[in-house]
N, C-alpha and C. Protein backbone atom coordinates (compact mmCIF):
# COMPACT_ATOMS: atom_id res chain seq x y z
N UNK A 1 0.80 -1.26 -0.06
CA UNK A 1 -0.03 0.00 0.11
C UNK A 1 0.78 1.36 0.02
N UNK A 2 2.01 1.27 0.74
CA UNK A 2 2.83 2.34 0.80
C UNK A 2 3.48 2.54 -0.48
N UNK A 3 3.80 1.66 -1.19
CA UNK A 3 4.48 1.64 -2.56
C UNK A 3 3.47 2.37 -3.55
N UNK A 4 2.18 1.95 -3.37
CA UNK A 4 1.35 2.49 -4.34
C UNK A 4 0.91 3.95 -4.27
N UNK A 5 1.05 4.47 -2.70
CA UNK A 5 0.90 5.69 -2.44
C UNK A 5 2.09 6.53 -3.04
N UNK A 6 3.27 6.06 -2.70
CA UNK A 6 4.45 6.68 -3.28
C UNK A 6 4.54 6.81 -4.64
N UNK A 7 4.18 5.72 -5.39
CA UNK A 7 4.11 5.95 -6.90
C UNK A 7 3.18 6.80 -7.34
N UNK A 8 2.13 6.73 -6.83
CA UNK A 8 0.97 7.78 -7.32
C UNK A 8 1.28 9.18 -7.00
N UNK A 9 1.95 9.47 -5.97
CA UNK A 9 2.47 10.85 -5.52
C UNK A 9 3.46 11.20 -6.54
N UNK A 10 4.40 10.45 -6.88
CA UNK A 10 5.57 10.77 -7.77
C UNK A 10 4.88 11.03 -9.17
N UNK A 11 3.92 10.18 -9.48
CA UNK A 11 3.35 10.33 -10.99
C UNK A 11 2.62 11.67 -10.99
N UNK A 12 1.98 12.03 -9.92
CA UNK A 12 1.16 13.20 -9.90
C UNK A 12 2.17 14.53 -9.95
N UNK A 13 3.32 14.36 -9.05
CA UNK A 13 4.10 15.36 -9.12
C UNK A 13 4.99 15.59 -10.47
N UNK A 14 5.27 14.67 -11.13
CA UNK A 14 5.93 14.65 -12.42
C UNK A 14 4.97 15.24 -13.56
N UNK A 15 3.60 14.98 -13.44
CA UNK A 15 2.50 15.17 -14.31
C UNK A 15 2.30 16.90 -14.06
N UNK A 16 2.35 17.26 -12.95
CA UNK A 16 2.12 18.71 -12.70
C UNK A 16 3.36 19.61 -12.50
N UNK A 17 4.49 19.05 -12.62
CA UNK A 17 5.70 19.75 -12.35
C UNK A 17 5.85 21.11 -13.22
N UNK A 18 5.49 21.18 -14.43
CA UNK A 18 5.60 22.42 -15.21
C UNK A 18 4.77 23.65 -14.67
N UNK A 19 3.45 23.08 -14.15
CA UNK A 19 2.69 24.11 -13.54
C UNK A 19 3.14 24.59 -12.22
N UNK A 20 3.82 23.58 -11.36
CA UNK A 20 4.13 23.69 -9.97
C UNK A 20 5.30 24.77 -9.84
N UNK A 21 6.18 24.53 -10.72
CA UNK A 21 7.46 25.32 -10.54
C UNK A 21 7.12 26.80 -10.94
N UNK A 22 6.07 27.17 -11.70
CA UNK A 22 5.84 28.49 -12.07
C UNK A 22 5.09 29.32 -10.92
N UNK A 23 4.05 28.75 -10.22
CA UNK A 23 3.40 29.53 -9.24
C UNK A 23 3.25 28.58 -7.84
N UNK A 24 4.32 29.06 -7.03
CA UNK A 24 4.19 28.26 -5.70
C UNK A 24 4.16 29.45 -4.65
N UNK A 25 3.15 29.32 -3.83
CA UNK A 25 3.06 30.23 -2.68
C UNK A 25 3.27 29.51 -1.39
N UNK A 26 4.15 29.89 -0.46
CA UNK A 26 4.41 29.28 0.80
C UNK A 26 4.14 30.28 1.84
N UNK A 27 3.49 29.83 2.96
CA UNK A 27 3.10 30.72 4.10
C UNK A 27 3.03 29.90 5.37
N UNK A 28 2.98 30.69 6.42
CA UNK A 28 2.88 30.15 7.81
C UNK A 28 1.33 30.32 8.26
N UNK A 29 0.80 29.33 8.99
CA UNK A 29 -0.39 29.34 9.46
C UNK A 29 -0.37 29.10 10.92
N UNK A 30 -1.45 29.77 11.61
CA UNK A 30 -1.55 29.40 13.07
C UNK A 30 -3.14 29.95 13.52
N UNK A 31 -3.65 29.10 14.44
CA UNK A 31 -4.89 29.41 14.85
C UNK A 31 -5.14 28.96 16.32
N UNK A 32 -6.20 29.26 16.85
CA UNK A 32 -6.81 28.95 18.23
C UNK A 32 -7.78 27.97 18.25
N UNK A 33 -7.54 26.98 19.07
CA UNK A 33 -8.59 25.80 19.14
C UNK A 33 -9.25 25.94 20.64
N UNK A 34 -10.53 25.55 20.47
CA UNK A 34 -11.33 25.43 21.71
C UNK A 34 -12.12 24.20 21.53
N UNK A 35 -11.66 22.98 22.15
CA UNK A 35 -12.24 21.86 22.03
C UNK A 35 -12.80 21.49 23.32
N UNK A 36 -13.83 20.57 23.23
CA UNK A 36 -14.40 19.96 24.36
C UNK A 36 -14.72 18.52 24.19
N UNK A 37 -14.90 17.83 25.33
CA UNK A 37 -15.21 16.27 25.02
C UNK A 37 -16.35 15.84 26.02
N UNK A 38 -17.15 15.07 25.74
CA UNK A 38 -18.09 14.42 26.68
C UNK A 38 -17.76 12.82 26.77
N UNK A 39 -17.80 12.36 27.94
CA UNK A 39 -17.44 10.93 28.22
C UNK A 39 -18.56 10.26 28.68
N UNK A 40 -19.04 9.35 28.01
CA UNK A 40 -20.18 8.27 28.40
C UNK A 40 -19.69 7.01 29.23
N UNK A 41 -20.06 6.92 30.52
CA UNK A 41 -19.43 5.77 31.34
C UNK A 41 -20.39 4.47 30.98
N UNK A 42 -20.04 3.57 31.82
CA UNK A 42 -20.68 2.17 31.64
C UNK A 42 -22.12 2.55 32.30
N UNK A 43 -22.57 3.21 33.12
CA UNK A 43 -23.74 3.52 33.75
C UNK A 43 -24.58 4.53 32.99
N UNK A 44 -24.09 4.82 31.60
CA UNK A 44 -24.72 5.74 30.61
C UNK A 44 -25.01 7.15 31.16
N UNK A 45 -24.08 7.48 32.20
CA UNK A 45 -23.99 8.82 32.61
C UNK A 45 -22.84 9.55 31.96
N UNK A 46 -23.26 10.84 31.49
CA UNK A 46 -22.36 11.46 30.54
C UNK A 46 -21.52 12.53 31.51
N UNK A 47 -20.35 12.43 31.46
CA UNK A 47 -19.50 13.39 32.19
C UNK A 47 -18.96 14.62 31.38
N UNK A 48 -19.19 15.78 31.68
CA UNK A 48 -18.98 16.96 30.84
C UNK A 48 -17.53 17.41 31.12
N UNK A 49 -16.71 17.64 30.25
CA UNK A 49 -15.49 18.23 30.41
C UNK A 49 -15.62 19.77 30.18
N UNK A 50 -14.88 20.68 30.63
CA UNK A 50 -14.72 22.05 30.29
C UNK A 50 -13.89 22.34 29.08
N UNK A 51 -14.02 23.24 28.39
CA UNK A 51 -12.96 23.77 27.27
C UNK A 51 -11.59 23.94 27.75
N UNK A 52 -10.68 23.44 27.22
CA UNK A 52 -9.35 23.92 27.32
C UNK A 52 -8.53 24.49 26.30
N UNK A 53 -8.13 25.82 26.22
CA UNK A 53 -7.75 26.52 25.11
C UNK A 53 -6.43 25.81 24.58
N UNK A 54 -6.18 25.87 23.23
CA UNK A 54 -5.11 25.25 22.60
C UNK A 54 -4.83 25.96 21.30
N UNK A 55 -3.84 25.44 20.61
CA UNK A 55 -3.36 26.13 19.36
C UNK A 55 -3.07 25.23 18.26
N UNK A 56 -2.90 25.62 17.05
CA UNK A 56 -2.18 24.96 16.13
C UNK A 56 -1.36 25.87 15.27
N UNK A 57 -0.14 25.32 14.71
CA UNK A 57 0.68 26.16 13.88
C UNK A 57 1.29 25.17 12.87
N UNK A 58 1.64 25.87 11.74
CA UNK A 58 2.35 25.18 10.68
C UNK A 58 2.48 25.97 9.45
N UNK A 59 2.96 25.02 8.42
CA UNK A 59 3.26 25.79 7.19
C UNK A 59 2.49 25.18 6.10
N UNK A 60 2.22 25.80 5.00
CA UNK A 60 1.47 25.47 3.77
C UNK A 60 2.25 25.87 2.52
N UNK A 61 1.93 25.30 1.40
CA UNK A 61 2.32 25.59 0.19
C UNK A 61 1.00 25.30 -0.74
N UNK A 62 0.95 26.27 -1.81
CA UNK A 62 -0.16 26.38 -2.68
C UNK A 62 0.30 26.39 -4.01
N UNK A 63 -0.02 25.16 -4.77
CA UNK A 63 0.60 25.05 -6.14
C UNK A 63 -0.68 25.32 -7.08
N UNK A 64 -0.40 25.88 -8.15
CA UNK A 64 -1.38 26.10 -9.39
C UNK A 64 -1.42 24.77 -10.05
N UNK A 65 -2.53 24.11 -10.23
CA UNK A 65 -2.62 22.83 -11.03
C UNK A 65 -3.15 23.39 -12.45
N UNK A 66 -4.13 24.06 -12.47
CA UNK A 66 -4.67 24.61 -13.64
C UNK A 66 -4.77 26.00 -13.55
N UNK A 67 -5.57 26.84 -14.59
CA UNK A 67 -5.80 28.23 -14.34
C UNK A 67 -6.71 28.55 -12.99
N UNK A 68 -7.69 27.69 -12.57
CA UNK A 68 -8.38 28.34 -11.35
C UNK A 68 -8.35 27.19 -10.20
N UNK A 69 -7.57 26.09 -10.45
CA UNK A 69 -7.53 25.00 -9.56
C UNK A 69 -6.17 24.98 -8.96
N UNK A 70 -6.27 24.77 -7.66
CA UNK A 70 -4.83 24.78 -6.77
C UNK A 70 -4.90 23.56 -6.00
N UNK A 71 -3.66 22.97 -5.51
CA UNK A 71 -3.45 22.14 -4.63
C UNK A 71 -2.82 22.76 -3.30
N UNK A 72 -3.14 22.59 -2.09
CA UNK A 72 -2.64 23.23 -0.92
C UNK A 72 -2.42 22.02 0.14
N UNK A 73 -1.32 21.57 0.26
CA UNK A 73 -0.90 20.64 1.49
C UNK A 73 -0.49 21.59 2.52
N UNK A 74 -0.80 21.11 3.78
CA UNK A 74 -0.29 21.83 4.98
C UNK A 74 0.23 20.87 5.88
N UNK A 75 1.20 21.39 6.75
CA UNK A 75 1.76 20.54 7.68
C UNK A 75 1.56 21.36 9.05
N UNK A 76 0.85 20.55 9.96
CA UNK A 76 0.42 21.40 11.11
C UNK A 76 0.76 20.71 12.54
N UNK A 77 1.11 21.31 13.38
CA UNK A 77 1.20 20.79 14.80
C UNK A 77 -0.09 21.25 15.33
N UNK A 78 -0.91 20.38 15.94
CA UNK A 78 -2.11 20.78 16.49
C UNK A 78 -2.29 20.33 17.94
N UNK A 79 -2.73 21.04 18.86
CA UNK A 79 -2.90 20.62 20.25
C UNK A 79 -4.39 20.79 20.53
N UNK A 80 -4.97 19.72 21.11
CA UNK A 80 -6.20 19.74 21.53
C UNK A 80 -6.41 19.12 23.01
N UNK A 81 -7.59 19.51 23.63
CA UNK A 81 -7.63 18.76 24.95
C UNK A 81 -9.01 19.31 25.72
N UNK A 82 -9.01 18.99 27.05
CA UNK A 82 -10.27 19.27 27.83
C UNK A 82 -9.76 19.18 29.25
N UNK A 83 -10.63 19.90 30.11
CA UNK A 83 -10.29 19.91 31.53
C UNK A 83 -11.53 19.24 32.32
N UNK A 84 -11.41 18.60 33.22
CA UNK A 84 -12.36 17.94 34.08
C UNK A 84 -12.21 18.22 35.62
N UNK A 85 -13.26 18.77 36.32
CA UNK A 85 -13.09 19.13 37.59
C UNK A 85 -14.54 18.68 38.16
N UNK A 86 -14.35 17.87 39.30
CA UNK A 86 -15.69 17.25 40.05
C UNK A 86 -15.40 17.12 41.25
N UNK A 87 -16.32 17.29 42.12
CA UNK A 87 -16.28 16.93 43.57
C UNK A 87 -17.10 15.71 43.88
N UNK A 88 -16.58 14.65 44.41
CA UNK A 88 -17.33 13.39 44.89
C UNK A 88 -17.59 13.37 46.19
N UNK A 89 -18.61 12.90 46.70
CA UNK A 89 -18.93 12.77 48.19
C UNK A 89 -18.95 11.22 48.51
N UNK A 90 -18.32 10.87 49.50
CA UNK A 90 -18.41 9.57 49.90
C UNK A 90 -19.14 9.57 51.21
N UNK A 91 -20.42 9.08 51.13
CA UNK A 91 -21.33 9.12 52.37
C UNK A 91 -20.78 8.27 53.52
N UNK A 92 -20.20 6.91 53.27
CA UNK A 92 -19.82 6.07 54.30
C UNK A 92 -18.78 6.63 55.12
N UNK A 93 -17.75 7.43 54.59
CA UNK A 93 -16.84 8.03 55.32
C UNK A 93 -16.77 9.34 55.59
N UNK A 94 -17.78 9.96 55.23
CA UNK A 94 -18.07 11.38 55.22
C UNK A 94 -17.06 12.23 54.97
N UNK A 95 -16.43 11.94 53.67
CA UNK A 95 -15.34 12.74 53.10
C UNK A 95 -15.71 13.34 51.49
N UNK A 96 -15.23 14.37 51.21
CA UNK A 96 -15.42 15.07 49.87
C UNK A 96 -13.92 14.78 49.32
N UNK A 97 -13.77 14.41 48.08
CA UNK A 97 -12.75 14.42 47.07
C UNK A 97 -12.84 15.17 45.86
N UNK A 98 -11.97 15.90 45.65
CA UNK A 98 -11.98 16.77 44.35
C UNK A 98 -11.12 16.10 43.25
N UNK A 99 -11.78 15.86 41.98
CA UNK A 99 -10.93 15.37 40.90
C UNK A 99 -10.80 16.46 40.04
N UNK A 100 -9.39 16.79 39.87
CA UNK A 100 -9.01 17.93 38.74
C UNK A 100 -8.11 17.19 37.74
N UNK A 101 -8.70 17.10 36.53
CA UNK A 101 -7.71 16.45 35.51
C UNK A 101 -7.91 17.25 34.24
N UNK A 102 -6.58 17.30 33.50
CA UNK A 102 -6.53 18.11 32.25
C UNK A 102 -5.96 17.03 31.18
N UNK A 103 -6.44 16.97 30.04
CA UNK A 103 -6.04 16.14 29.05
C UNK A 103 -5.60 17.00 27.93
N UNK A 104 -4.53 16.72 27.24
CA UNK A 104 -3.89 17.35 26.28
C UNK A 104 -3.65 16.24 25.10
N UNK A 105 -3.87 16.50 23.99
CA UNK A 105 -3.68 15.62 22.82
C UNK A 105 -2.88 16.25 21.83
N UNK A 106 -1.80 15.75 21.36
CA UNK A 106 -0.95 16.66 20.25
C UNK A 106 -0.91 15.76 19.17
N UNK A 107 -1.13 16.33 17.89
CA UNK A 107 -1.23 15.86 16.57
C UNK A 107 -0.26 16.61 15.70
N UNK A 108 0.41 15.71 14.74
CA UNK A 108 0.79 16.34 13.48
C UNK A 108 -0.10 15.92 12.42
N UNK A 109 -0.66 17.05 11.68
CA UNK A 109 -1.58 16.68 10.82
C UNK A 109 -1.21 16.99 9.47
N UNK A 110 -1.49 16.36 8.39
CA UNK A 110 -1.09 16.74 7.03
C UNK A 110 -2.31 16.68 6.02
N UNK A 111 -3.21 17.67 6.08
CA UNK A 111 -4.37 17.86 5.23
C UNK A 111 -3.90 18.34 3.91
N UNK A 112 -4.52 17.89 2.82
CA UNK A 112 -4.34 18.18 1.45
C UNK A 112 -5.71 18.86 0.92
N UNK A 113 -5.58 20.09 0.53
CA UNK A 113 -6.75 20.71 0.02
C UNK A 113 -6.73 20.73 -1.36
N UNK A 114 -7.83 20.55 -2.10
CA UNK A 114 -8.01 21.03 -3.69
C UNK A 114 -9.01 22.22 -3.61
N UNK A 115 -8.37 23.29 -4.18
CA UNK A 115 -8.94 24.60 -4.28
C UNK A 115 -9.39 25.07 -5.49
N UNK A 116 -10.79 25.70 -5.65
CA UNK A 116 -11.07 26.36 -6.81
C UNK A 116 -11.15 27.92 -6.54
N UNK A 117 -10.38 28.66 -7.17
CA UNK A 117 -10.37 30.21 -7.13
C UNK A 117 -10.97 30.68 -8.45
N UNK A 118 -12.29 30.75 -8.49
CA UNK A 118 -12.84 31.28 -9.74
C UNK A 118 -12.94 32.80 -9.73
N UNK A 119 -13.16 33.47 -10.75
CA UNK A 119 -13.24 34.84 -10.91
C UNK A 119 -14.57 35.44 -10.37
N UNK A 120 -14.52 36.38 -9.69
CA UNK A 120 -15.66 37.19 -9.07
C UNK A 120 -15.57 38.60 -9.63
N UNK A 121 -16.54 39.33 -9.43
CA UNK A 121 -16.61 40.80 -9.92
C UNK A 121 -15.29 41.44 -10.08
N UNK A 122 -14.44 41.41 -8.82
CA UNK A 122 -13.17 42.25 -8.75
C UNK A 122 -12.09 41.38 -8.27
N UNK A 123 -12.24 40.23 -7.85
CA UNK A 123 -11.24 39.25 -7.41
C UNK A 123 -11.49 37.86 -7.60
N UNK A 124 -10.85 37.16 -6.76
CA UNK A 124 -10.90 35.54 -6.72
C UNK A 124 -11.66 35.13 -5.55
């Protein structure tokens, strides 16, 4: 499977190389994430997590394939997560315990977008 993907990628790159070398735009991308999670336990009770702010940052390149069609691969480091805070009461021992937990998930993402930039009245 890896050989098939590699061969297809090389074939597409060779086919589009004349257009790709003429119009390449490279840039930096960053954004702010606000992700949340809900967890359903065995007793079908849903525990709600609070939003944990995170970010993503990376690079992109935009290649012209045809007059109005573009290929835009991006390489992003993305961070996502949630925070959980709950107080549990234990009636038998008359005690309260607070659970404070934060979950952070880090990803390296490689999305590839196919873009159409058609003409509008005064721009694309």
